[in-house]
PDB file of all heavy atoms in Angstrom:
ATOM      1  N   MET A   1     -39.496 186.415-113.894  1.00  0.00           N
ATOM      2  CA  MET A   1     -40.593 186.671-114.807  1.00  0.00           C
ATOM      3  C   MET A   1     -41.911 186.058-114.401  1.00  0.00           C
ATOM      4  O   MET A   1     -42.113 184.851-115.041  1.00  0.00           O
ATOM      5  CB  MET A   1     -40.188 186.393-116.300  1.00  0.00           C
ATOM      6  CG  MET A   1     -38.925 187.169-116.749  1.00  0.00           C
ATOM      7  SD  MET A   1     -38.550 186.637-118.527  1.00  0.00           S
ATOM      8  CE  MET A   1     -38.690 184.891-118.551  1.00  0.00           C
ATOM      9  N   PRO A   2     -42.666 186.597-113.580  1.00  0.00           N
ATOM     10  CA  PRO A   2     -43.805 185.944-113.128  1.00  0.00           C
ATOM     11  C   PRO A   2     -44.884 185.894-114.300  1.00  0.00           C
ATOM     12  O   PRO A   2     -44.748 186.899-115.178  1.00  0.00           O
ATOM     13  CB  PRO A   2     -44.231 186.836-111.876  1.00  0.00           C
ATOM     14  CG  PRO A   2     -43.693 188.127-112.166  1.00  0.00           C
ATOM     15  CD  PRO A   2     -42.460 187.840-112.850  1.00  0.00           C
ATOM     16  N   PRO A   3     -45.769 185.012-114.268  1.00  0.00           N
ATOM     17  CA  PRO A   3     -46.768 185.049-115.349  1.00  0.00           C
ATOM     18  C   PRO A   3     -47.631 186.330-115.399  1.00  0.00           C
ATOM     19  O   PRO A   3     -47.636 187.085-114.463  1.00  0.00           O
ATOM     20  CB  PRO A   3     -47.731 183.672-114.963  1.00  0.00           C
ATOM     21  CG  PRO A   3     -47.346 183.598-113.502  1.00  0.00           C
ATOM     22  CD  PRO A   3     -46.112 184.060-113.292  1.00  0.00           C
ATOM     23  N   ALA A   4     -48.318 186.489-116.555  1.00  0.00           N
ATOM     24  CA  ALA A   4     -49.051 187.782-116.605  1.00  0.00           C
ATOM     25  C   ALA A   4     -50.211 187.981-115.599  1.00  0.00           C
ATOM     26  O   ALA A   4     -50.515 189.001-115.187  1.00  0.00           O
ATOM     27  CB  ALA A   4     -49.723 187.812-118.049  1.00  0.00           C
ATOM     28  N   ASP A   5     -50.734 186.843-115.089  1.00  0.00           N
ATOM     29  CA  ASP A   5     -51.929 186.842-114.184  1.00  0.00           C
ATOM     30  C   ASP A   5     -51.257 186.669-112.611  1.00  0.00           C
ATOM     31  O   ASP A   5     -52.233 186.496-111.786  1.00  0.00           O
ATOM     32  CB  ASP A   5     -52.860 185.776-114.423  1.00  0.00           C
ATOM     33  CG  ASP A   5     -52.209 184.347-114.250  1.00  0.00           C
ATOM     34  OD1 ASP A   5     -51.058 184.254-114.129  1.00  0.00           O
ATOM     35  OD2 ASP A   5     -52.997 183.303-114.206  1.00  0.00           O
ATOM     36  N   ALA A   6     -50.050 186.985-112.369  1.00  0.00           N
ATOM     37  CA  ALA A   6     -49.549 186.921-111.019  1.00  0.00           C
ATOM     38  C   ALA A   6     -50.000 188.112-110.224  1.00  0.00           C
ATOM     39  O   ALA A   6     -50.270 189.080-110.607  1.00  0.00           O
ATOM     40  CB  ALA A   6     -47.985 186.993-111.139  1.00  0.00           C
ATOM     41  N   ALA A   7     -50.187 187.712-109.015  1.00  0.00           N
ATOM     42  CA  ALA A   7     -50.519 188.760-107.846  1.00  0.00           C
ATOM     43  C   ALA A   7     -49.343 189.795-107.752  1.00  0.00           C
ATOM     44  O   ALA A   7     -48.278 189.589-108.044  1.00  0.00           O
ATOM     45  CB  ALA A   7     -50.741 188.012-106.584  1.00  0.00           C
ATOM     46  N   ASP A   8     -49.936 190.995-107.347  1.00  0.00           N
ATOM     47  CA  ASP A   8     -48.873 192.072-107.145  1.00  0.00           C
ATOM     48  C   ASP A   8     -47.689 191.614-106.289  1.00  0.00           C
ATOM     49  O   ASP A   8     -46.435 192.037-106.560  1.00  0.00           O
ATOM     50  CB  ASP A   8     -49.578 193.327-106.526  1.00  0.00           C
ATOM     51  CG  ASP A   8     -50.548 193.888-107.596  1.00  0.00           C
ATOM     52  OD1 ASP A   8     -50.477 193.626-108.769  1.00  0.00           O
ATOM     53  OD2 ASP A   8     -51.406 194.730-107.087  1.00  0.00           O
ATOM     54  N   ALA A   9     -47.934 190.860-105.188  1.00  0.00           N
ATOM     55  CA  ALA A   9     -46.843 190.493-104.331  1.00  0.00           C
ATOM     56  C   ALA A   9     -45.741 189.587-105.053  1.00  0.00           C
ATOM     57  O   ALA A   9     -44.587 189.861-104.899  1.00  0.00           O
ATOM     58  CB  ALA A   9     -47.429 189.734-103.229  1.00  0.00           C
ATOM     59  N   GLU A  10     -46.267 188.825-106.005  1.00  0.00           N
ATOM     60  CA  GLU A  10     -45.335 187.983-106.734  1.00  0.00           C
ATOM     61  C   GLU A  10     -44.498 188.823-107.692  1.00  0.00           C
ATOM     62  O   GLU A  10     -43.293 188.622-107.908  1.00  0.00           O
ATOM     63  CB  GLU A  10     -46.092 186.897-107.432  1.00  0.00           C
ATOM     64  CG  GLU A  10     -45.215 185.836-108.147  1.00  0.00           C
ATOM     65  CD  GLU A  10     -45.933 184.613-108.864  1.00  0.00           C
ATOM     66  OE1 GLU A  10     -47.112 184.607-108.789  1.00  0.00           O
ATOM     67  OE2 GLU A  10     -45.121 183.839-109.443  1.00  0.00           O
ATOM     68  N   VAL A  11     -45.115 189.791-108.323  1.00  0.00           N
ATOM     69  CA  VAL A  11     -44.470 190.705-109.276  1.00  0.00           C
ATOM     70  C   VAL A  11     -43.398 191.566-108.458  1.00  0.00           C
ATOM     71  O   VAL A  11     -42.332 191.719-108.940  1.00  0.00           O
ATOM     72  CB  VAL A  11     -45.457 191.696-110.049  1.00  0.00           C
ATOM     73  CG1 VAL A  11     -44.784 192.727-110.883  1.00  0.00           C
ATOM     74  CG2 VAL A  11     -46.377 190.860-110.889  1.00  0.00           C
ATOM     75  N   GLU A  12     -43.795 192.074-107.324  1.00  0.00           N
ATOM     76  CA  GLU A  12     -42.893 192.780-106.488  1.00  0.00           C
ATOM     77  C   GLU A  12     -41.756 191.969-106.055  1.00  0.00           C
ATOM     78  O   GLU A  12     -40.559 192.439-106.072  1.00  0.00           O
ATOM     79  CB  GLU A  12     -43.591 193.448-105.264  1.00  0.00           C
ATOM     80  CG  GLU A  12     -44.469 194.506-105.595  1.00  0.00           C
ATOM     81  CD  GLU A  12     -45.353 195.099-104.373  1.00  0.00           C
ATOM     82  OE1 GLU A  12     -44.856 194.765-103.259  1.00  0.00           O
ATOM     83  OE2 GLU A  12     -46.300 195.631-104.507  1.00  0.00           O
ATOM     84  N   LEU A  13     -41.962 190.694-105.669  1.00  0.00           N
ATOM     85  CA  LEU A  13     -40.899 189.752-105.353  1.00  0.00           C
ATOM     86  C   LEU A  13     -39.946 189.607-106.562  1.00  0.00           C
ATOM     87  O   LEU A  13     -38.658 189.424-106.337  1.00  0.00           O
ATOM     88  CB  LEU A  13     -41.429 188.413-104.795  1.00  0.00           C
ATOM     89  CG  LEU A  13     -40.427 187.413-104.309  1.00  0.00           C
ATOM     90  CD1 LEU A  13     -39.667 187.956-103.182  1.00  0.00           C
ATOM     91  CD2 LEU A  13     -41.084 186.164-103.903  1.00  0.00           C
ATOM     92  N   ALA A  14     -40.411 189.481-107.769  1.00  0.00           N
ATOM     93  CA  ALA A  14     -39.721 189.224-108.994  1.00  0.00           C
ATOM     94  C   ALA A  14     -38.841 190.507-109.251  1.00  0.00           C
ATOM     95  O   ALA A  14     -37.579 190.339-109.531  1.00  0.00           O
ATOM     96  CB  ALA A  14     -40.525 188.914-110.218  1.00  0.00           C
ATOM     97  N   GLU A  15     -39.394 191.607-109.078  1.00  0.00           N
ATOM     98  CA  GLU A  15     -38.578 192.915-109.184  1.00  0.00           C
ATOM     99  C   GLU A  15     -37.385 192.898-108.119  1.00  0.00           C
ATOM    100  O   GLU A  15     -36.249 193.254-108.518  1.00  0.00           O
ATOM    101  CB  GLU A  15     -39.533 194.013-109.131  1.00  0.00           C
ATOM    102  CG  GLU A  15     -40.376 194.210-110.321  1.00  0.00           C
ATOM    103  CD  GLU A  15     -41.403 195.340-109.995  1.00  0.00           C
ATOM    104  OE1 GLU A  15     -41.476 195.905-108.930  1.00  0.00           O
ATOM    105  OE2 GLU A  15     -42.218 195.564-110.915  1.00  0.00           O
ATOM    106  N   LYS A  16     -37.748 192.480-106.888  1.00  0.00           N
ATOM    107  CA  LYS A  16     -36.755 192.592-105.865  1.00  0.00           C
ATOM    108  C   LYS A  16     -35.695 191.456-106.189  1.00  0.00           C
ATOM    109  O   LYS A  16     -34.528 191.707-106.023  1.00  0.00           O
ATOM    110  CB  LYS A  16     -37.361 192.234-104.490  1.00  0.00           C
ATOM    111  CG  LYS A  16     -36.394 192.239-103.430  1.00  0.00           C
ATOM    112  CD  LYS A  16     -37.048 191.937-102.186  1.00  0.00           C
ATOM    113  CE  LYS A  16     -36.099 191.813-101.046  1.00  0.00           C
ATOM    114  NZ  LYS A  16     -36.518 191.350 -99.639  1.00  0.00           N
ATOM    115  N   THR A  17     -36.004 190.300-106.698  1.00  0.00           N
ATOM    116  CA  THR A  17     -35.115 189.352-107.082  1.00  0.00           C
ATOM    117  C   THR A  17     -34.178 189.872-108.098  1.00  0.00           C
ATOM    118  O   THR A  17     -32.998 189.598-108.117  1.00  0.00           O
ATOM    119  CB  THR A  17     -35.826 188.016-107.478  1.00  0.00           C
ATOM    120  OG1 THR A  17     -36.516 187.523-106.304  1.00  0.00           O
ATOM    121  CG2 THR A  17     -34.818 186.889-107.931  1.00  0.00           C
ATOM    122  N   THR A  18     -34.631 190.422-109.237  1.00  0.00           N
ATOM    123  CA  THR A  18     -33.926 191.025-110.291  1.00  0.00           C
ATOM    124  C   THR A  18     -32.950 191.955-109.777  1.00  0.00           C
ATOM    125  O   THR A  18     -31.827 191.935-110.156  1.00  0.00           O
ATOM    126  CB  THR A  18     -34.915 191.656-111.342  1.00  0.00           C
ATOM    127  OG1 THR A  18     -35.739 190.469-111.851  1.00  0.00           O
ATOM    128  CG2 THR A  18     -34.208 192.123-112.506  1.00  0.00           C
ATOM    129  N   ARG A  19     -33.383 192.981-108.880  1.00  0.00           N
ATOM    130  CA  ARG A  19     -32.588 193.986-108.507  1.00  0.00           C
ATOM    131  C   ARG A  19     -31.398 193.340-107.579  1.00  0.00           C
ATOM    132  O   ARG A  19     -30.327 193.742-107.738  1.00  0.00           O
ATOM    133  CB  ARG A  19     -33.365 195.030-107.612  1.00  0.00           C
ATOM    134  CG  ARG A  19     -34.190 195.923-108.442  1.00  0.00           C
ATOM    135  CD  ARG A  19     -34.596 197.163-107.451  1.00  0.00           C
ATOM    136  NE  ARG A  19     -35.387 196.724-106.373  1.00  0.00           N
ATOM    137  CZ  ARG A  19     -36.655 196.515-106.497  1.00  0.00           C
ATOM    138  NH1 ARG A  19     -37.400 196.696-107.583  1.00  0.00           N
ATOM    139  NH2 ARG A  19     -37.334 196.172-105.329  1.00  0.00           N
ATOM    140  N   SER A  20     -31.749 192.499-106.749  1.00  0.00           N
ATOM    141  CA  SER A  20     -30.632 191.825-105.910  1.00  0.00           C
ATOM    142  C   SER A  20     -29.721 191.025-106.668  1.00  0.00           C
ATOM    143  O   SER A  20     -28.522 190.963-106.350  1.00  0.00           O
ATOM    144  CB  SER A  20     -31.268 191.112-104.720  1.00  0.00           C
ATOM    145  OG  SER A  20     -32.027 189.871-105.235  1.00  0.00           O
ATOM    146  N   THR A  21     -30.229 190.334-107.672  1.00  0.00           N
ATOM    147  CA  THR A  21     -29.299 189.540-108.650  1.00  0.00           C
ATOM    148  C   THR A  21     -28.371 190.283-109.400  1.00  0.00           C
ATOM    149  O   THR A  21     -27.126 190.180-109.539  1.00  0.00           O
ATOM    150  CB  THR A  21     -30.073 188.702-109.557  1.00  0.00           C
ATOM    151  OG1 THR A  21     -30.974 187.831-108.710  1.00  0.00           O
ATOM    152  CG2 THR A  21     -29.251 187.692-110.497  1.00  0.00           C
ATOM    153  N   GLN A  22     -28.865 191.470-109.842  1.00  0.00           N
ATOM    154  CA  GLN A  22     -28.100 192.580-110.535  1.00  0.00           C
ATOM    155  C   GLN A  22     -26.947 193.086-109.607  1.00  0.00           C
ATOM    156  O   GLN A  22     -25.841 193.191-110.044  1.00  0.00           O
ATOM    157  CB  GLN A  22     -28.900 193.677-111.195  1.00  0.00           C
ATOM    158  CG  GLN A  22     -29.785 193.175-112.442  1.00  0.00           C
ATOM    159  CD  GLN A  22     -30.799 194.313-112.793  1.00  0.00           C
ATOM    160  OE1 GLN A  22     -31.185 195.055-111.934  1.00  0.00           O
ATOM    161  NE2 GLN A  22     -31.191 194.150-114.111  1.00  0.00           N
ATOM    162  N   ALA A  23     -27.341 193.228-108.447  1.00  0.00           N
ATOM    163  CA  ALA A  23     -26.336 193.863-107.350  1.00  0.00           C
ATOM    164  C   ALA A  23     -25.230 192.730-107.146  1.00  0.00           C
ATOM    165  O   ALA A  23     -24.093 193.159-107.069  1.00  0.00           O
ATOM    166  CB  ALA A  23     -27.019 194.147-106.231  1.00  0.00           C
ATOM    167  N   LEU A  24     -25.612 191.500-107.098  1.00  0.00           N
ATOM    168  CA  LEU A  24     -24.649 190.400-106.956  1.00  0.00           C
ATOM    169  C   LEU A  24     -23.756 190.272-108.138  1.00  0.00           C
ATOM    170  O   LEU A  24     -22.481 190.240-108.007  1.00  0.00           O
ATOM    171  CB  LEU A  24     -25.383 189.094-106.624  1.00  0.00           C
ATOM    172  CG  LEU A  24     -26.051 188.769-105.239  1.00  0.00           C
ATOM    173  CD1 LEU A  24     -26.840 187.569-105.397  1.00  0.00           C
ATOM    174  CD2 LEU A  24     -24.889 188.629-104.311  1.00  0.00           C
ATOM    175  N   ILE A  25     -24.267 190.503-109.249  1.00  0.00           N
ATOM    176  CA  ILE A  25     -23.515 190.393-110.499  1.00  0.00           C
ATOM    177  C   ILE A  25     -22.555 191.651-110.618  1.00  0.00           C
ATOM    178  O   ILE A  25     -21.378 191.477-110.968  1.00  0.00           O
ATOM    179  CB  ILE A  25     -24.369 190.375-111.828  1.00  0.00           C
ATOM    180  CG1 ILE A  25     -25.126 189.020-111.807  1.00  0.00           C
ATOM    181  CG2 ILE A  25     -23.561 190.647-112.964  1.00  0.00           C
ATOM    182  CD1 ILE A  25     -26.278 188.885-112.797  1.00  0.00           C
ATOM    183  N   ASP A  26     -22.916 192.763-110.205  1.00  0.00           N
ATOM    184  CA  ASP A  26     -22.117 194.028-110.137  1.00  0.00           C
ATOM    185  C   ASP A  26     -21.067 193.739-109.176  1.00  0.00           C
ATOM    186  O   ASP A  26     -19.876 194.212-109.410  1.00  0.00           O
ATOM    187  CB  ASP A  26     -22.946 195.200-109.701  1.00  0.00           C
ATOM    188  CG  ASP A  26     -23.941 195.650-110.837  1.00  0.00           C
ATOM    189  OD1 ASP A  26     -23.801 195.199-112.021  1.00  0.00           O
ATOM    190  OD2 ASP A  26     -24.842 196.578-110.474  1.00  0.00           O
ATOM    191  N   LYS A  27     -21.275 193.276-107.946  1.00  0.00           N
ATOM    192  CA  LYS A  27     -20.318 192.997-107.026  1.00  0.00           C
ATOM    193  C   LYS A  27     -19.260 191.906-107.559  1.00  0.00           C
ATOM    194  O   LYS A  27     -17.954 192.349-107.328  1.00  0.00           O
ATOM    195  CB  LYS A  27     -21.029 192.423-105.714  1.00  0.00           C
ATOM    196  CG  LYS A  27     -19.994 192.267-104.627  1.00  0.00           C
ATOM    197  CD  LYS A  27     -19.612 193.509-103.954  1.00  0.00           C
ATOM    198  CE  LYS A  27     -19.108 193.366-102.599  1.00  0.00           C
ATOM    199  NZ  LYS A  27     -18.727 194.502-101.933  1.00  0.00           N
ATOM    200  N   VAL A  28     -19.620 190.924-108.080  1.00  0.00           N
ATOM    201  CA  VAL A  28     -18.736 189.929-108.556  1.00  0.00           C
ATOM    202  C   VAL A  28     -17.815 190.550-109.764  1.00  0.00           C
ATOM    203  O   VAL A  28     -16.706 190.339-109.956  1.00  0.00           O
ATOM    204  CB  VAL A  28     -19.487 188.706-109.063  1.00  0.00           C
ATOM    205  CG1 VAL A  28     -18.377 187.794-109.886  1.00  0.00           C
ATOM    206  CG2 VAL A  28     -19.982 187.859-107.878  1.00  0.00           C
ATOM    207  N   SER A  29     -18.506 191.428-110.519  1.00  0.00           N
ATOM    208  CA  SER A  29     -17.710 192.112-111.634  1.00  0.00           C
ATOM    209  C   SER A  29     -16.784 193.059-111.202  1.00  0.00           C
ATOM    210  O   SER A  29     -15.746 193.194-111.854  1.00  0.00           O
ATOM    211  CB  SER A  29     -18.944 192.626-112.669  1.00  0.00           C
ATOM    212  OG  SER A  29     -19.722 191.776-113.286  1.00  0.00           O
ATOM    213  N   SER A  30     -17.045 193.657-110.126  1.00  0.00           N
ATOM    214  CA  SER A  30     -16.204 194.754-109.626  1.00  0.00           C
ATOM    215  C   SER A  30     -14.907 193.883-108.968  1.00  0.00           C
ATOM    216  O   SER A  30     -13.801 194.458-108.979  1.00  0.00           O
ATOM    217  CB  SER A  30     -16.854 195.657-108.607  1.00  0.00           C
ATOM    218  OG  SER A  30     -17.180 194.928-107.411  1.00  0.00           O
ATOM    219  N   VAL A  31     -15.172 192.803-108.353  1.00  0.00           N
ATOM    220  CA  VAL A  31     -14.168 192.002-107.736  1.00  0.00           C
ATOM    221  C   VAL A  31     -13.171 191.448-108.878  1.00  0.00           C
ATOM    222  O   VAL A  31     -12.003 191.492-108.697  1.00  0.00           O
ATOM    223  CB  VAL A  31     -14.634 190.902-106.906  1.00  0.00           C
ATOM    224  CG1 VAL A  31     -13.525 189.926-106.343  1.00  0.00           C
ATOM    225  CG2 VAL A  31     -15.402 191.402-105.608  1.00  0.00           C
ATOM    226  N   TYR A  32     -13.788 191.038-109.993  1.00  0.00           N
ATOM    227  CA  TYR A  32     -12.896 190.592-111.057  1.00  0.00           C
ATOM    228  C   TYR A  32     -12.873 191.523-112.160  1.00  0.00           C
ATOM    229  O   TYR A  32     -13.098 191.105-113.435  1.00  0.00           O
ATOM    230  CB  TYR A  32     -13.364 189.136-111.491  1.00  0.00           C
ATOM    231  CG  TYR A  32     -13.377 188.115-110.330  1.00  0.00           C
ATOM    232  CD1 TYR A  32     -14.602 187.725-109.725  1.00  0.00           C
ATOM    233  CD2 TYR A  32     -12.182 187.603-109.909  1.00  0.00           C
ATOM    234  CE1 TYR A  32     -14.570 186.858-108.777  1.00  0.00           C
ATOM    235  CE2 TYR A  32     -12.161 186.745-108.896  1.00  0.00           C
ATOM    236  CZ  TYR A  32     -13.314 186.365-108.275  1.00  0.00           C
ATOM    237  OH  TYR A  32     -13.272 185.491-107.248  1.00  0.00           O
ATOM    238  N   ALA A  33     -12.782 192.792-111.941  1.00  0.00           N
ATOM    239  CA  ALA A  33     -12.723 193.728-113.014  1.00  0.00           C
ATOM    240  C   ALA A  33     -11.676 193.711-113.974  1.00  0.00           C
ATOM    241  O   ALA A  33     -11.750 194.151-115.106  1.00  0.00           O
ATOM    242  CB  ALA A  33     -12.730 195.144-112.338  1.00  0.00           C
ATOM    243  N   ASN A  34     -10.599 192.964-113.628  1.00  0.00           N
ATOM    244  CA  ASN A  34      -9.608 192.918-114.624  1.00  0.00           C
ATOM    245  C   ASN A  34      -9.611 191.666-115.572  1.00  0.00           C
ATOM    246  O   ASN A  34      -8.790 191.329-116.342  1.00  0.00           O
ATOM    247  CB  ASN A  34      -8.150 192.541-113.884  1.00  0.00           C
ATOM    248  CG  ASN A  34      -8.163 191.331-113.059  1.00  0.00           C
ATOM    249  OD1 ASN A  34      -9.153 190.842-112.732  1.00  0.00           O
ATOM    250  ND2 ASN A  34      -7.029 190.815-112.768  1.00  0.00           N
ATOM    251  N   SER A  35     -10.753 191.073-115.689  1.00  0.00           N
ATOM    252  CA  SER A  35     -11.099 189.956-116.483  1.00  0.00           C
ATOM    253  C   SER A  35     -12.509 190.045-117.042  1.00  0.00           C
ATOM    254  O   SER A  35     -12.987 191.159-117.082  1.00  0.00           O
ATOM    255  CB  SER A  35     -10.972 188.544-115.804  1.00  0.00           C
ATOM    256  OG  SER A  35     -11.787 188.392-114.814  1.00  0.00           O
ATOM    257  N   ARG A  36     -13.116 188.931-117.368  1.00  0.00           N
ATOM    258  CA  ARG A  36     -14.445 188.915-117.908  1.00  0.00           C
ATOM    259  C   ARG A  36     -15.372 188.169-116.981  1.00  0.00           C
ATOM    260  O   ARG A  36     -14.934 187.173-116.329  1.00  0.00           O
ATOM    261  CB  ARG A  36     -14.608 188.418-119.363  1.00  0.00           C
ATOM    262  CG  ARG A  36     -13.799 189.146-120.417  1.00  0.00           C
ATOM    263  CD  ARG A  36     -13.722 188.436-121.666  1.00  0.00           C
ATOM    264  NE  ARG A  36     -13.050 189.241-122.754  1.00  0.00           N
ATOM    265  CZ  ARG A  36     -11.742 189.269-122.849  1.00  0.00           C
ATOM    266  NH1 ARG A  36     -10.889 188.603-122.085  1.00  0.00           N
ATOM    267  NH2 ARG A  36     -11.248 190.079-123.744  1.00  0.00           N
ATOM    268  N   VAL A  37     -16.657 188.464-117.071  1.00  0.00           N
ATOM    269  CA  VAL A  37     -17.680 187.771-116.264  1.00  0.00           C
ATOM    270  C   VAL A  37     -18.728 187.290-117.175  1.00  0.00           C
ATOM    271  O   VAL A  37     -19.287 187.933-118.022  1.00  0.00           O
ATOM    272  CB  VAL A  37     -18.198 188.686-115.123  1.00  0.00           C
ATOM    273  CG1 VAL A  37     -19.469 188.024-114.431  1.00  0.00           C
ATOM    274  CG2 VAL A  37     -17.089 189.209-114.130  1.00  0.00           C
ATOM    275  N   LEU A  38     -19.032 185.937-116.999  1.00  0.00           N
ATOM    276  CA  LEU A  38     -20.167 185.353-117.735  1.00  0.00           C
ATOM    277  C   LEU A  38     -21.106 184.923-116.688  1.00  0.00           C
ATOM    278  O   LEU A  38     -20.852 184.317-115.719  1.00  0.00           O
ATOM    279  CB  LEU A  38     -19.537 184.064-118.493  1.00  0.00           C
ATOM    280  CG  LEU A  38     -20.651 183.211-119.162  1.00  0.00           C
ATOM    281  CD1 LEU A  38     -21.343 184.006-120.233  1.00  0.00           C
ATOM    282  CD2 LEU A  38     -20.087 181.968-119.597  1.00  0.00           C
ATOM    283  N   VAL A  39     -22.434 185.315-117.029  1.00  0.00           N
ATOM    284  CA  VAL A  39     -23.480 184.922-116.164  1.00  0.00           C
ATOM    285  C   VAL A  39     -24.428 184.020-116.885  1.00  0.00           C
ATOM    286  O   VAL A  39     -24.741 184.090-117.895  1.00  0.00           O
ATOM    287  CB  VAL A  39     -24.316 186.205-115.656  1.00  0.00           C
ATOM    288  CG1 VAL A  39     -25.470 185.816-114.863  1.00  0.00           C
ATOM    289  CG2 VAL A  39     -23.509 187.300-115.073  1.00  0.00           C
TER     290      VAL A  39
END
């Protein structure tokens, strides 16, 4: 969550970080699908 006055590049990097983190969480969740995942 970059600050409101962040440059466009920082906002794009935050969006990329969020997407890649969600992908990592999805991957771990699929590996351990028979249980629960706490992030």
